Amino acid sequence: MATALTLNEALRSGRLDDFIAQAEAAGVAAADAEEFDRVVNCVVRVPQPEGQTSHSHADDGSAET
């Protein structure tokens, strides 16, 4: 039996289509796009500009939160 392709390997090797086909063959359903975006927005944080903290003022004088 062949070793399953991991998402990390698929992304590094440009084989995302192979990973998707593998997941679909295993019966994994497609994610709901709106739910996926909601979860990602809760987890992923955009890095702040260098030298700026969450409590420092942005260049325009507004406080970034």
Protein backbone atom coordinates (compact mmCIF):
# COMPACT_ATOMS: atom_id res chain seq x y z
CA MET A 1 0.00 0.00 0.00
CA ALA A 2 1.32 3.43 -0.93
CA THR A 3 2.02 5.97 1.79
CA ALA A 4 -0.61 8.67 2.03
CA LEU A 5 0.42 12.09 0.78
CA THR A 6 0.25 14.63 3.60
CA LEU A 7 -0.99 18.17 3.07
CA ASN A 8 2.44 19.51 4.01
CA GLU A 9 4.16 17.27 1.43
CA ALA A 10 1.58 18.20 -1.21
CA LEU A 11 2.11 21.92 -0.67
CA ARG A 12 5.91 21.63 -0.69
CA SER A 13 5.99 19.50 -3.83
CA GLY A 14 3.25 21.28 -5.81
CA ARG A 15 0.99 18.20 -5.68
CA LEU A 16 -2.12 19.72 -4.13
CA ASP A 17 -4.34 18.21 -6.84
CA ASP A 18 -3.03 14.75 -5.89
CA PHE A 19 -3.78 15.43 -2.23
CA ILE A 20 -7.34 16.55 -3.07
CA ALA A 21 -7.95 13.46 -5.21
CA GLN A 22 -6.61 11.27 -2.40
CA ALA A 23 -8.92 12.93 0.15
CA GLU A 24 -11.95 12.68 -2.14
CA ALA A 25 -11.24 8.97 -2.76
CA ALA A 26 -11.15 8.49 1.02
CA GLY A 27 -14.61 10.08 1.28
CA VAL A 28 -13.57 13.41 2.78
CA ALA A 29 -16.23 15.99 1.94
CA ALA A 30 -15.39 19.47 0.67
CA ALA A 31 -15.28 22.18 3.33
CA ASP A 32 -17.98 24.83 3.46
CA ALA A 33 -16.21 27.98 2.20
CA GLU A 34 -17.92 30.39 4.61
CA GLU A 35 -17.26 28.18 7.64
CA PHE A 36 -13.63 27.71 6.55
CA ASP A 37 -13.11 31.47 6.23
CA ARG A 38 -14.71 32.05 9.64
CA VAL A 39 -12.42 29.51 11.32
CA VAL A 40 -9.31 30.79 9.56
CA ASN A 41 -10.10 34.37 10.57
CA CYS A 42 -10.33 33.22 14.20
CA VAL A 43 -6.97 31.44 14.08
CA VAL A 44 -4.68 33.23 11.63
CA ARG A 45 -3.19 36.55 12.68
CA VAL A 46 -1.55 38.90 10.20
CA PRO A 47 1.95 39.90 11.33
CA GLN A 48 2.27 43.52 12.39
CA PRO A 49 4.69 45.87 10.65
CA GLU A 50 8.21 45.65 12.01
CA GLY A 51 8.67 47.63 15.21
CA GLN A 52 4.95 48.03 15.87
CA THR A 53 3.23 46.41 18.82
CA SER A 54 -0.47 46.06 19.41
CA HIS A 55 -0.31 49.08 21.73
CA SER A 56 1.76 51.43 19.60
CA HIS A 57 0.31 53.98 17.20
CA ALA A 58 0.37 53.43 13.49
CA ASP A 59 2.03 56.01 11.23
CA ASP A 60 -1.30 57.74 10.72
CA GLY A 61 -1.68 58.25 14.48
CA SER A 62 -4.45 55.71 14.93
CA ALA A 63 -4.09 52.96 17.49
CA GLU A 64 -3.84 49.50 15.98
CA THR A 65 -5.64 46.75 17.86
